[in-house]
N, C-alpha and C. Protein backbone atom coordinates (compact mmCIF):
# COMPACT_ATOMS: atom_id res chain seq x y z
N MET A 1 33.93 75.21 64.38
CA MET A 1 32.93 75.80 65.27
C MET A 1 31.76 74.83 65.48
N LYS A 2 31.36 74.13 64.41
CA LYS A 2 30.27 73.17 64.52
C LYS A 2 30.64 72.06 65.49
N TRP A 3 31.89 71.58 65.38
CA TRP A 3 32.36 70.51 66.27
C TRP A 3 32.34 70.98 67.72
N LEU A 4 32.79 72.22 67.93
CA LEU A 4 32.83 72.76 69.29
C LEU A 4 31.42 72.90 69.86
N ASN A 5 30.49 73.33 69.03
CA ASN A 5 29.09 73.43 69.47
C ASN A 5 28.52 72.06 69.83
N GLU A 6 28.90 71.06 69.05
CA GLU A 6 28.44 69.70 69.34
C GLU A 6 28.99 69.21 70.67
N GLN A 7 30.27 69.49 70.92
CA GLN A 7 30.88 69.08 72.18
C GLN A 7 30.23 69.81 73.36
N GLY A 8 29.92 71.07 73.16
CA GLY A 8 29.25 71.84 74.21
C GLY A 8 27.87 71.29 74.51
N SER A 9 27.16 70.89 73.47
CA SER A 9 25.82 70.32 73.66
C SER A 9 25.89 68.98 74.38
N LEU A 10 26.88 68.16 74.02
CA LEU A 10 27.07 66.87 74.69
C LEU A 10 27.44 67.07 76.15
N LEU A 11 28.27 68.06 76.41
CA LEU A 11 28.66 68.37 77.79
C LEU A 11 27.44 68.81 78.60
N LYS A 12 26.63 69.66 78.02
CA LYS A 12 25.44 70.15 78.71
C LYS A 12 24.50 69.00 79.06
N ASP A 13 24.31 68.08 78.12
CA ASP A 13 23.45 66.93 78.38
C ASP A 13 24.01 66.05 79.50
N PHE A 14 25.32 65.88 79.51
CA PHE A 14 25.95 65.05 80.54
C PHE A 14 25.81 65.69 81.92
N LEU A 15 25.99 66.99 81.98
CA LEU A 15 25.87 67.69 83.26
C LEU A 15 24.45 67.67 83.79
N ALA A 16 23.50 67.60 82.89
CA ALA A 16 22.09 67.58 83.30
C ALA A 16 21.62 66.18 83.67
N GLY A 17 22.44 65.17 83.40
CA GLY A 17 22.06 63.80 83.68
C GLY A 17 22.53 63.34 85.05
N GLY A 18 22.95 62.06 85.11
CA GLY A 18 23.33 61.47 86.38
C GLY A 18 24.55 62.11 87.03
N PHE A 19 25.39 62.75 86.22
CA PHE A 19 26.59 63.37 86.78
C PHE A 19 26.24 64.50 87.74
N ARG A 20 25.09 65.12 87.53
CA ARG A 20 24.70 66.26 88.37
C ARG A 20 24.59 65.86 89.83
N ARG A 21 24.03 64.69 90.10
CA ARG A 21 23.91 64.22 91.49
C ARG A 21 25.29 63.98 92.11
N THR A 22 26.19 63.40 91.33
CA THR A 22 27.55 63.18 91.82
C THR A 22 28.23 64.51 92.13
N LEU A 23 28.01 65.49 91.27
CA LEU A 23 28.60 66.80 91.46
C LEU A 23 28.10 67.46 92.74
N TRP A 24 26.80 67.40 92.97
CA TRP A 24 26.24 68.00 94.18
C TRP A 24 26.68 67.24 95.43
N PHE A 25 26.81 65.94 95.32
CA PHE A 25 27.30 65.13 96.43
C PHE A 25 28.72 65.56 96.82
N CYS A 26 29.57 65.77 95.82
CA CYS A 26 30.95 66.18 96.09
C CYS A 26 31.01 67.60 96.64
N ALA A 27 30.16 68.49 96.13
CA ALA A 27 30.14 69.86 96.63
C ALA A 27 29.71 69.89 98.09
N LEU A 28 28.68 69.13 98.43
CA LEU A 28 28.23 69.05 99.82
C LEU A 28 29.31 68.40 100.69
N GLY A 29 29.96 67.37 100.15
CA GLY A 29 31.03 66.70 100.90
C GLY A 29 32.17 67.64 101.20
N LEU A 30 32.52 68.49 100.24
CA LEU A 30 33.60 69.45 100.48
C LEU A 30 33.22 70.42 101.59
N LEU A 31 31.98 70.90 101.56
CA LEU A 31 31.51 71.82 102.60
C LEU A 31 31.59 71.17 103.98
N LEU A 32 31.16 69.92 104.07
CA LEU A 32 31.19 69.22 105.35
C LEU A 32 32.61 68.99 105.85
N THR A 33 33.52 68.69 104.92
CA THR A 33 34.91 68.47 105.34
C THR A 33 35.59 69.78 105.75
N VAL A 34 35.16 70.89 105.16
CA VAL A 34 35.67 72.19 105.61
C VAL A 34 35.26 72.41 107.06
N LEU A 35 34.00 72.13 107.37
CA LEU A 35 33.51 72.27 108.75
C LEU A 35 34.26 71.32 109.68
N LEU A 36 34.54 70.12 109.18
CA LEU A 36 35.32 69.16 109.97
C LEU A 36 36.72 69.71 110.25
N GLY A 37 37.32 70.32 109.24
CA GLY A 37 38.65 70.91 109.41
C GLY A 37 38.65 72.04 110.41
N VAL A 38 37.59 72.85 110.39
CA VAL A 38 37.48 73.93 111.38
C VAL A 38 37.40 73.34 112.78
N GLY A 39 36.60 72.29 112.94
CA GLY A 39 36.48 71.65 114.25
C GLY A 39 37.80 71.08 114.73
N ILE A 40 38.53 70.42 113.83
CA ILE A 40 39.84 69.87 114.20
C ILE A 40 40.79 70.99 114.59
N GLY A 41 40.77 72.06 113.80
CA GLY A 41 41.67 73.18 114.07
C GLY A 41 41.40 73.85 115.40
N LEU A 42 40.13 73.94 115.79
CA LEU A 42 39.78 74.57 117.06
C LEU A 42 40.03 73.65 118.26
N LEU A 43 39.80 72.35 118.05
CA LEU A 43 39.96 71.41 119.15
C LEU A 43 41.41 70.96 119.34
N VAL A 44 42.13 70.84 118.23
CA VAL A 44 43.52 70.38 118.29
C VAL A 44 44.38 71.34 117.47
N PRO A 45 44.57 72.57 117.95
CA PRO A 45 45.29 73.57 117.15
C PRO A 45 46.73 73.18 116.85
N GLU A 46 47.38 72.46 117.76
CA GLU A 46 48.77 72.06 117.51
C GLU A 46 48.86 71.12 116.31
N GLN A 47 47.95 70.18 116.24
CA GLN A 47 47.93 69.23 115.13
C GLN A 47 47.61 69.95 113.82
N ALA A 48 46.68 70.90 113.89
CA ALA A 48 46.32 71.67 112.70
C ALA A 48 47.51 72.47 112.20
N ALA A 49 48.24 73.10 113.13
CA ALA A 49 49.41 73.89 112.74
C ALA A 49 50.48 73.01 112.12
N GLN A 50 50.68 71.83 112.68
CA GLN A 50 51.66 70.90 112.14
C GLN A 50 51.27 70.43 110.73
N THR A 51 49.99 70.16 110.55
CA THR A 51 49.51 69.73 109.24
C THR A 51 49.69 70.82 108.20
N MET A 52 49.37 72.06 108.57
CA MET A 52 49.53 73.17 107.63
C MET A 52 50.99 73.42 107.32
N ASN A 53 51.87 73.27 108.30
CA ASN A 53 53.31 73.44 108.05
C ASN A 53 53.81 72.39 107.06
N SER A 54 53.35 71.16 107.23
CA SER A 54 53.74 70.08 106.31
C SER A 54 53.24 70.37 104.90
N PHE A 55 52.03 70.91 104.83
CA PHE A 55 51.45 71.25 103.52
C PHE A 55 52.26 72.35 102.85
N MET A 56 52.65 73.36 103.61
CA MET A 56 53.43 74.46 103.06
C MET A 56 54.81 73.97 102.60
N GLU A 57 55.39 73.03 103.33
CA GLU A 57 56.68 72.47 102.91
C GLU A 57 56.54 71.74 101.58
N GLN A 58 55.42 71.04 101.41
CA GLN A 58 55.18 70.35 100.15
C GLN A 58 55.04 71.36 99.01
N ILE A 59 54.38 72.48 99.28
CA ILE A 59 54.23 73.52 98.26
C ILE A 59 55.59 74.08 97.86
N GLU A 60 56.45 74.33 98.84
CA GLU A 60 57.78 74.86 98.55
C GLU A 60 58.61 73.87 97.75
N GLN A 61 58.50 72.59 98.08
CA GLN A 61 59.26 71.57 97.38
C GLN A 61 58.74 71.31 95.97
N SER A 62 57.50 71.70 95.71
CA SER A 62 56.92 71.46 94.39
C SER A 62 57.43 72.43 93.34
N GLY A 63 58.14 73.47 93.77
CA GLY A 63 58.67 74.45 92.83
C GLY A 63 57.72 75.57 92.50
N VAL A 64 56.59 75.63 93.19
CA VAL A 64 55.61 76.69 92.95
C VAL A 64 56.18 78.04 93.39
N ILE A 65 56.93 78.04 94.50
CA ILE A 65 57.54 79.26 95.00
C ILE A 65 58.94 79.41 94.40
N THR A 66 59.19 80.52 93.73
CA THR A 66 60.49 80.75 93.11
C THR A 66 61.50 81.21 94.15
N SER A 67 62.75 81.34 93.73
CA SER A 67 63.84 81.71 94.65
C SER A 67 63.64 83.10 95.25
N ASP A 68 62.92 83.98 94.56
CA ASP A 68 62.69 85.33 95.07
C ASP A 68 61.40 85.43 95.89
N GLY A 69 60.79 84.26 96.19
CA GLY A 69 59.60 84.24 97.03
C GLY A 69 58.29 84.46 96.30
N GLN A 70 58.34 84.56 94.98
CA GLN A 70 57.14 84.76 94.19
C GLN A 70 56.60 83.42 93.69
N MET A 71 55.31 83.42 93.34
CA MET A 71 54.69 82.21 92.80
C MET A 71 54.88 82.16 91.29
N SER A 72 55.20 80.97 90.79
CA SER A 72 55.31 80.75 89.36
C SER A 72 53.96 80.30 88.82
N VAL A 73 53.42 81.06 87.89
CA VAL A 73 52.12 80.72 87.32
C VAL A 73 52.17 79.34 86.67
N PHE A 74 53.21 79.11 85.89
CA PHE A 74 53.31 77.84 85.17
C PHE A 74 53.42 76.66 86.15
N ALA A 75 54.29 76.79 87.14
CA ALA A 75 54.47 75.71 88.12
C ALA A 75 53.19 75.47 88.91
N LEU A 76 52.52 76.56 89.28
CA LEU A 76 51.27 76.43 90.03
C LEU A 76 50.20 75.75 89.18
N LEU A 77 50.12 76.16 87.91
CA LEU A 77 49.14 75.58 87.01
C LEU A 77 49.39 74.08 86.83
N MET A 78 50.66 73.71 86.59
CA MET A 78 50.99 72.30 86.40
C MET A 78 50.72 71.49 87.67
N ASN A 79 51.02 72.09 88.83
CA ASN A 79 50.80 71.40 90.09
C ASN A 79 49.30 71.14 90.32
N ASN A 80 48.49 72.17 90.08
CA ASN A 80 47.05 72.04 90.28
C ASN A 80 46.43 71.10 89.25
N TRP A 81 46.89 71.23 88.02
CA TRP A 81 46.34 70.39 86.95
C TRP A 81 46.68 68.92 87.19
N ARG A 82 47.92 68.68 87.65
CA ARG A 82 48.33 67.31 87.94
C ARG A 82 47.48 66.74 89.09
N ALA A 83 47.26 67.54 90.12
CA ALA A 83 46.48 67.07 91.27
C ALA A 83 45.05 66.74 90.87
N MET A 84 44.47 67.55 89.99
CA MET A 84 43.09 67.31 89.58
C MET A 84 42.98 66.13 88.63
N LEU A 85 43.99 65.94 87.78
CA LEU A 85 44.00 64.76 86.93
C LEU A 85 44.10 63.48 87.75
N VAL A 86 44.95 63.53 88.78
CA VAL A 86 45.11 62.36 89.65
C VAL A 86 43.80 62.07 90.39
N SER A 87 43.14 63.13 90.87
CA SER A 87 41.86 62.95 91.57
C SER A 87 40.84 62.25 90.68
N ALA A 88 40.82 62.63 89.40
CA ALA A 88 39.89 62.00 88.47
C ALA A 88 40.34 60.57 88.13
N ALA A 89 41.65 60.38 87.93
CA ALA A 89 42.18 59.08 87.53
C ALA A 89 42.04 58.03 88.63
N TYR A 90 41.98 58.46 89.88
CA TYR A 90 41.76 57.51 90.97
C TYR A 90 40.50 56.68 90.76
N GLY A 91 39.59 57.24 89.99
CA GLY A 91 38.32 56.55 89.77
C GLY A 91 38.44 55.25 89.00
N PHE A 92 39.58 55.01 88.34
CA PHE A 92 39.76 53.75 87.62
C PHE A 92 39.81 52.55 88.57
N LEU A 93 40.10 52.80 89.85
CA LEU A 93 40.15 51.72 90.83
C LEU A 93 38.76 51.54 91.43
N PRO A 94 38.10 50.43 91.15
CA PRO A 94 36.73 50.24 91.65
C PRO A 94 36.67 50.02 93.15
N PHE A 95 35.52 50.37 93.71
CA PHE A 95 35.15 50.09 95.11
C PHE A 95 35.85 51.00 96.14
N LEU A 96 37.03 51.48 95.86
CA LEU A 96 37.79 52.24 96.86
C LEU A 96 37.35 53.70 96.97
N PHE A 97 36.84 54.26 95.88
CA PHE A 97 36.42 55.67 95.83
C PHE A 97 37.52 56.58 96.37
N LEU A 98 38.72 56.38 95.86
CA LEU A 98 39.87 57.16 96.28
C LEU A 98 39.75 58.67 96.01
N PRO A 99 38.99 59.10 95.00
CA PRO A 99 38.84 60.55 94.81
C PRO A 99 38.32 61.27 96.05
N LEU A 100 37.56 60.55 96.88
CA LEU A 100 37.03 61.18 98.09
C LEU A 100 38.13 61.52 99.08
N ILE A 101 39.28 60.86 98.97
CA ILE A 101 40.41 61.22 99.83
C ILE A 101 40.89 62.63 99.49
N SER A 102 40.92 62.94 98.20
CA SER A 102 41.29 64.30 97.78
C SER A 102 40.31 65.31 98.32
N LEU A 103 39.03 64.95 98.29
CA LEU A 103 37.99 65.83 98.81
C LEU A 103 38.18 66.06 100.30
N LEU A 104 38.41 64.99 101.04
CA LEU A 104 38.60 65.08 102.49
C LEU A 104 39.83 65.91 102.83
N THR A 105 40.92 65.67 102.13
CA THR A 105 42.16 66.39 102.39
C THR A 105 42.02 67.88 102.11
N SER A 106 41.46 68.20 100.95
CA SER A 106 41.32 69.61 100.55
C SER A 106 40.39 70.36 101.49
N GLY A 107 39.24 69.75 101.81
CA GLY A 107 38.29 70.41 102.69
C GLY A 107 38.85 70.63 104.08
N CYS A 108 39.52 69.61 104.63
CA CYS A 108 40.09 69.73 105.98
C CYS A 108 41.17 70.80 106.03
N LEU A 109 41.99 70.88 104.97
CA LEU A 109 43.03 71.91 104.94
C LEU A 109 42.42 73.31 104.93
N LEU A 110 41.38 73.50 104.13
CA LEU A 110 40.71 74.80 104.11
C LEU A 110 40.12 75.14 105.47
N GLY A 111 39.51 74.15 106.11
CA GLY A 111 38.90 74.38 107.42
C GLY A 111 39.93 74.64 108.50
N MET A 112 41.01 73.87 108.51
CA MET A 112 42.05 74.06 109.52
C MET A 112 42.73 75.41 109.37
N LEU A 113 42.90 75.85 108.13
CA LEU A 113 43.49 77.17 107.92
C LEU A 113 42.60 78.26 108.50
N ALA A 114 41.29 78.13 108.30
CA ALA A 114 40.36 79.10 108.87
C ALA A 114 40.43 79.08 110.39
N ALA A 115 40.54 77.89 110.97
CA ALA A 115 40.62 77.77 112.43
C ALA A 115 41.90 78.42 112.96
N LEU A 116 42.99 78.27 112.24
CA LEU A 116 44.25 78.88 112.67
C LEU A 116 44.16 80.41 112.62
N PHE A 117 43.48 80.94 111.63
CA PHE A 117 43.28 82.39 111.55
C PHE A 117 42.49 82.86 112.76
N MET A 118 41.45 82.11 113.10
CA MET A 118 40.62 82.50 114.25
C MET A 118 41.40 82.39 115.55
N ALA A 119 42.22 81.34 115.68
CA ALA A 119 43.00 81.14 116.90
C ALA A 119 44.03 82.24 117.10
N GLN A 120 44.53 82.79 116.01
CA GLN A 120 45.52 83.86 116.08
C GLN A 120 44.89 85.24 116.21
N GLY A 121 43.57 85.27 116.21
CA GLY A 121 42.88 86.55 116.32
C GLY A 121 42.86 87.36 115.04
N THR A 122 43.21 86.70 113.93
CA THR A 122 43.20 87.38 112.64
C THR A 122 41.80 87.38 112.06
N SER A 123 41.42 88.47 111.46
CA SER A 123 40.09 88.58 110.89
C SER A 123 39.86 87.51 109.82
N LEU A 124 38.65 86.95 109.84
CA LEU A 124 38.31 85.98 108.81
C LEU A 124 38.24 86.62 107.42
N LEU A 125 38.14 87.95 107.42
CA LEU A 125 38.18 88.64 106.13
C LEU A 125 39.53 88.43 105.45
N ALA A 126 40.58 88.36 106.27
CA ALA A 126 41.91 88.10 105.72
C ALA A 126 41.97 86.69 105.14
N TYR A 127 41.35 85.76 105.84
CA TYR A 127 41.30 84.38 105.34
C TYR A 127 40.56 84.32 104.01
N LEU A 128 39.39 84.97 103.97
CA LEU A 128 38.61 84.97 102.74
C LEU A 128 39.34 85.68 101.61
N ALA A 129 40.08 86.74 101.96
CA ALA A 129 40.85 87.46 100.95
C ALA A 129 41.94 86.58 100.35
N GLY A 130 42.44 85.65 101.17
CA GLY A 130 43.49 84.77 100.68
C GLY A 130 42.96 83.54 99.96
N ILE A 131 41.67 83.26 100.10
CA ILE A 131 41.07 82.06 99.51
C ILE A 131 40.15 82.37 98.33
N LEU A 132 39.28 83.35 98.51
CA LEU A 132 38.20 83.54 97.54
C LEU A 132 38.62 84.04 96.16
N PRO A 133 39.57 84.98 96.04
CA PRO A 133 39.85 85.48 94.69
C PRO A 133 40.16 84.37 93.69
N HIS A 134 41.05 83.47 94.04
CA HIS A 134 41.33 82.35 93.14
C HIS A 134 40.43 81.16 93.44
N GLY A 135 39.89 81.10 94.67
CA GLY A 135 39.05 79.98 95.06
C GLY A 135 37.76 79.89 94.27
N ILE A 136 37.24 81.03 93.80
CA ILE A 136 36.01 80.99 93.02
C ILE A 136 36.21 80.23 91.71
N PHE A 137 37.47 80.08 91.30
CA PHE A 137 37.79 79.26 90.13
C PHE A 137 38.32 77.88 90.54
N GLU A 138 39.23 77.87 91.51
CA GLU A 138 39.91 76.63 91.86
C GLU A 138 39.00 75.64 92.59
N ILE A 139 38.16 76.12 93.48
CA ILE A 139 37.30 75.21 94.24
C ILE A 139 36.29 74.51 93.33
N PRO A 140 35.59 75.21 92.43
CA PRO A 140 34.73 74.49 91.49
C PRO A 140 35.50 73.50 90.62
N ALA A 141 36.71 73.88 90.19
CA ALA A 141 37.52 72.96 89.38
C ALA A 141 37.83 71.70 90.19
N LEU A 142 38.14 71.88 91.46
CA LEU A 142 38.43 70.75 92.33
C LEU A 142 37.21 69.85 92.47
N VAL A 143 36.05 70.46 92.70
CA VAL A 143 34.82 69.67 92.87
C VAL A 143 34.50 68.91 91.59
N PHE A 144 34.64 69.56 90.45
CA PHE A 144 34.36 68.89 89.17
C PHE A 144 35.32 67.72 88.95
N SER A 145 36.61 67.90 89.24
CA SER A 145 37.57 66.83 89.00
C SER A 145 37.33 65.65 89.93
N ILE A 146 37.02 65.93 91.19
CA ILE A 146 36.72 64.85 92.14
C ILE A 146 35.43 64.14 91.74
N ALA A 147 34.44 64.91 91.31
CA ALA A 147 33.18 64.32 90.85
C ALA A 147 33.42 63.40 89.66
N CYS A 148 34.34 63.79 88.78
CA CYS A 148 34.69 62.93 87.64
C CYS A 148 35.23 61.60 88.14
N GLY A 149 36.12 61.67 89.13
CA GLY A 149 36.69 60.46 89.69
C GLY A 149 35.66 59.57 90.36
N VAL A 150 34.76 60.19 91.12
CA VAL A 150 33.70 59.42 91.81
C VAL A 150 32.76 58.79 90.79
N TYR A 151 32.41 59.56 89.78
CA TYR A 151 31.50 59.04 88.74
C TYR A 151 32.15 57.86 88.01
N LEU A 152 33.43 58.01 87.69
CA LEU A 152 34.16 56.94 87.01
C LEU A 152 34.26 55.70 87.90
N CYS A 153 34.56 55.90 89.18
CA CYS A 153 34.68 54.78 90.11
C CYS A 153 33.35 54.04 90.23
N ARG A 154 32.27 54.78 90.30
CA ARG A 154 30.95 54.15 90.41
C ARG A 154 30.67 53.29 89.19
N ASN A 155 31.02 53.80 88.01
CA ASN A 155 30.79 53.02 86.81
C ASN A 155 31.72 51.81 86.73
N MET A 156 32.96 51.96 87.23
CA MET A 156 33.87 50.82 87.27
C MET A 156 33.33 49.73 88.18
N CYS A 157 32.73 50.13 89.30
CA CYS A 157 32.10 49.16 90.21
C CYS A 157 30.99 48.40 89.50
N ARG A 158 30.19 49.12 88.73
CA ARG A 158 29.08 48.50 88.01
C ARG A 158 29.59 47.56 86.92
N MET A 159 30.71 47.94 86.31
CA MET A 159 31.26 47.07 85.28
C MET A 159 31.78 45.77 85.88
N VAL A 160 32.47 45.88 87.02
CA VAL A 160 33.04 44.70 87.66
C VAL A 160 31.94 43.75 88.13
N THR A 161 30.86 44.32 88.65
CA THR A 161 29.76 43.49 89.18
C THR A 161 28.70 43.19 88.12
N ASN A 162 28.95 43.69 86.89
CA ASN A 162 28.01 43.49 85.78
C ASN A 162 26.62 44.05 86.12
N HIS A 163 26.62 45.20 86.76
CA HIS A 163 25.37 45.87 87.14
C HIS A 163 24.66 46.34 85.87
N PRO A 164 23.33 46.21 85.81
CA PRO A 164 22.60 46.65 84.61
C PRO A 164 22.70 48.14 84.34
N GLY A 165 23.08 48.92 85.35
CA GLY A 165 23.18 50.36 85.14
C GLY A 165 24.53 50.83 84.63
N LYS A 166 25.42 49.89 84.31
CA LYS A 166 26.75 50.27 83.83
C LYS A 166 26.66 50.94 82.47
N ALA A 167 27.62 51.80 82.19
CA ALA A 167 27.70 52.47 80.89
C ALA A 167 29.00 52.05 80.21
N PRO A 168 29.06 52.06 78.89
CA PRO A 168 30.30 51.72 78.20
C PRO A 168 31.45 52.62 78.67
N LEU A 169 32.58 52.00 78.97
CA LEU A 169 33.69 52.76 79.53
C LEU A 169 34.14 53.88 78.60
N LEU A 170 34.20 53.62 77.31
CA LEU A 170 34.65 54.63 76.36
C LEU A 170 33.73 55.84 76.37
N ALA A 171 32.42 55.59 76.45
CA ALA A 171 31.46 56.70 76.48
C ALA A 171 31.62 57.52 77.75
N VAL A 172 31.85 56.84 78.87
CA VAL A 172 32.05 57.54 80.14
C VAL A 172 33.32 58.40 80.08
N LEU A 173 34.38 57.83 79.54
CA LEU A 173 35.64 58.57 79.45
C LEU A 173 35.52 59.78 78.53
N GLU A 174 34.77 59.65 77.48
CA GLU A 174 34.56 60.79 76.57
C GLU A 174 33.82 61.91 77.29
N ASP A 175 32.79 61.55 78.05
CA ASP A 175 32.02 62.56 78.80
C ASP A 175 32.90 63.24 79.85
N LEU A 176 33.69 62.45 80.57
CA LEU A 176 34.53 63.01 81.62
C LEU A 176 35.66 63.85 81.03
N LEU A 177 36.15 63.45 79.87
CA LEU A 177 37.20 64.24 79.21
C LEU A 177 36.67 65.62 78.83
N ARG A 178 35.43 65.67 78.39
CA ARG A 178 34.83 66.97 78.08
C ARG A 178 34.77 67.85 79.32
N VAL A 179 34.41 67.26 80.44
CA VAL A 179 34.35 68.02 81.69
C VAL A 179 35.74 68.55 82.04
N MET A 180 36.75 67.71 81.95
CA MET A 180 38.10 68.10 82.33
C MET A 180 38.67 69.17 81.39
N VAL A 181 38.40 69.03 80.11
CA VAL A 181 38.98 69.95 79.12
C VAL A 181 38.19 71.25 79.03
N MET A 182 36.87 71.16 79.06
CA MET A 182 36.04 72.34 78.81
C MET A 182 35.65 73.09 80.08
N ILE A 183 35.79 72.46 81.24
CA ILE A 183 35.43 73.13 82.49
C ILE A 183 36.63 73.24 83.43
N VAL A 184 37.22 72.09 83.77
CA VAL A 184 38.29 72.09 84.77
C VAL A 184 39.52 72.84 84.27
N ALA A 185 39.94 72.59 83.05
CA ALA A 185 41.15 73.24 82.52
C ALA A 185 41.04 74.77 82.52
N PRO A 186 39.99 75.37 81.95
CA PRO A 186 39.89 76.84 81.96
C PRO A 186 39.82 77.41 83.38
N LEU A 187 39.09 76.74 84.27
CA LEU A 187 39.00 77.22 85.65
C LEU A 187 40.37 77.18 86.32
N THR A 188 41.14 76.13 86.05
CA THR A 188 42.46 76.00 86.65
C THR A 188 43.41 77.07 86.14
N VAL A 189 43.34 77.37 84.87
CA VAL A 189 44.18 78.44 84.30
C VAL A 189 43.84 79.78 84.94
N ALA A 190 42.56 80.08 85.03
CA ALA A 190 42.13 81.33 85.66
C ALA A 190 42.58 81.39 87.11
N ALA A 191 42.44 80.28 87.84
CA ALA A 191 42.81 80.24 89.26
C ALA A 191 44.30 80.51 89.44
N ALA A 192 45.13 79.94 88.57
CA ALA A 192 46.59 80.11 88.69
C ALA A 192 46.98 81.58 88.52
N PHE A 193 46.43 82.24 87.52
CA PHE A 193 46.77 83.65 87.29
C PHE A 193 46.26 84.54 88.42
N VAL A 194 45.05 84.27 88.88
CA VAL A 194 44.49 85.09 89.96
C VAL A 194 45.29 84.87 91.25
N GLU A 195 45.65 83.62 91.54
CA GLU A 195 46.38 83.34 92.78
C GLU A 195 47.76 84.00 92.78
N CYS A 196 48.37 84.10 91.62
CA CYS A 196 49.71 84.69 91.54
C CYS A 196 49.70 86.21 91.52
N TYR A 197 48.71 86.81 90.88
CA TYR A 197 48.75 88.25 90.64
C TYR A 197 47.66 89.06 91.35
N VAL A 198 46.57 88.41 91.73
CA VAL A 198 45.46 89.15 92.33
C VAL A 198 45.34 88.88 93.82
N THR A 199 45.37 87.61 94.20
CA THR A 199 45.19 87.24 95.61
C THR A 199 46.19 87.93 96.53
N PRO A 200 47.50 87.95 96.22
CA PRO A 200 48.45 88.63 97.13
C PRO A 200 48.13 90.10 97.34
N VAL A 201 47.67 90.76 96.30
CA VAL A 201 47.35 92.20 96.40
C VAL A 201 46.15 92.40 97.31
N ILE A 202 45.11 91.60 97.12
CA ILE A 202 43.91 91.73 97.95
C ILE A 202 44.19 91.35 99.40
N MET A 203 44.94 90.28 99.59
CA MET A 203 45.23 89.82 100.95
C MET A 203 46.07 90.83 101.72
N ALA A 204 46.93 91.54 101.01
CA ALA A 204 47.78 92.54 101.67
C ALA A 204 46.96 93.67 102.29
N LEU A 205 45.77 93.87 101.80
CA LEU A 205 44.91 94.93 102.33
C LEU A 205 44.38 94.59 103.72
N PHE A 206 44.41 93.30 104.07
CA PHE A 206 43.82 92.87 105.34
C PHE A 206 44.86 92.45 106.37
N LEU A 207 46.13 92.45 105.98
CA LEU A 207 47.17 92.00 106.91
C LEU A 207 48.09 93.16 107.29
């Protein structure tokens, strides 16, 4: 228990430091990319529909959907956890800021889906019913994981250029591991269960 309290205190200090700005930057970036996705969906609905169809095909091929048409909690959890780990791990490559690609992709998909609902005359309440129940867990987890990647990439850039603001890589990885284990992991688990068992029930009320 003492060790866990120490880890929690270290996590709190890290979140209150420089990571906080990166986190808010990623949260704002996700919001802007959602708006971008809505614009794309309204201006080029055919392209948006094609993109969403391709995304759904990827979901089906990932094994998340079982043979009886139901979602597998375990497969969904592993798929989401793998995606968030990759988003964070992209940060090892300096200068490219590849985690932002995950942010752009996720935000645009959310926005284009909303645009498709509007184009079909479907209530946005149905869209929110399909996104928010698990999204209140999954979206923060996504933002945290991408922020980890951006923070790591920024520090890798400083290490390569020998910037005075660089931090020891091991210390950075320890801080980011706490974020992934103590924040992202629990949120992802909650999101998987809610998406499989709660979201379909709520969404059915609006369709």
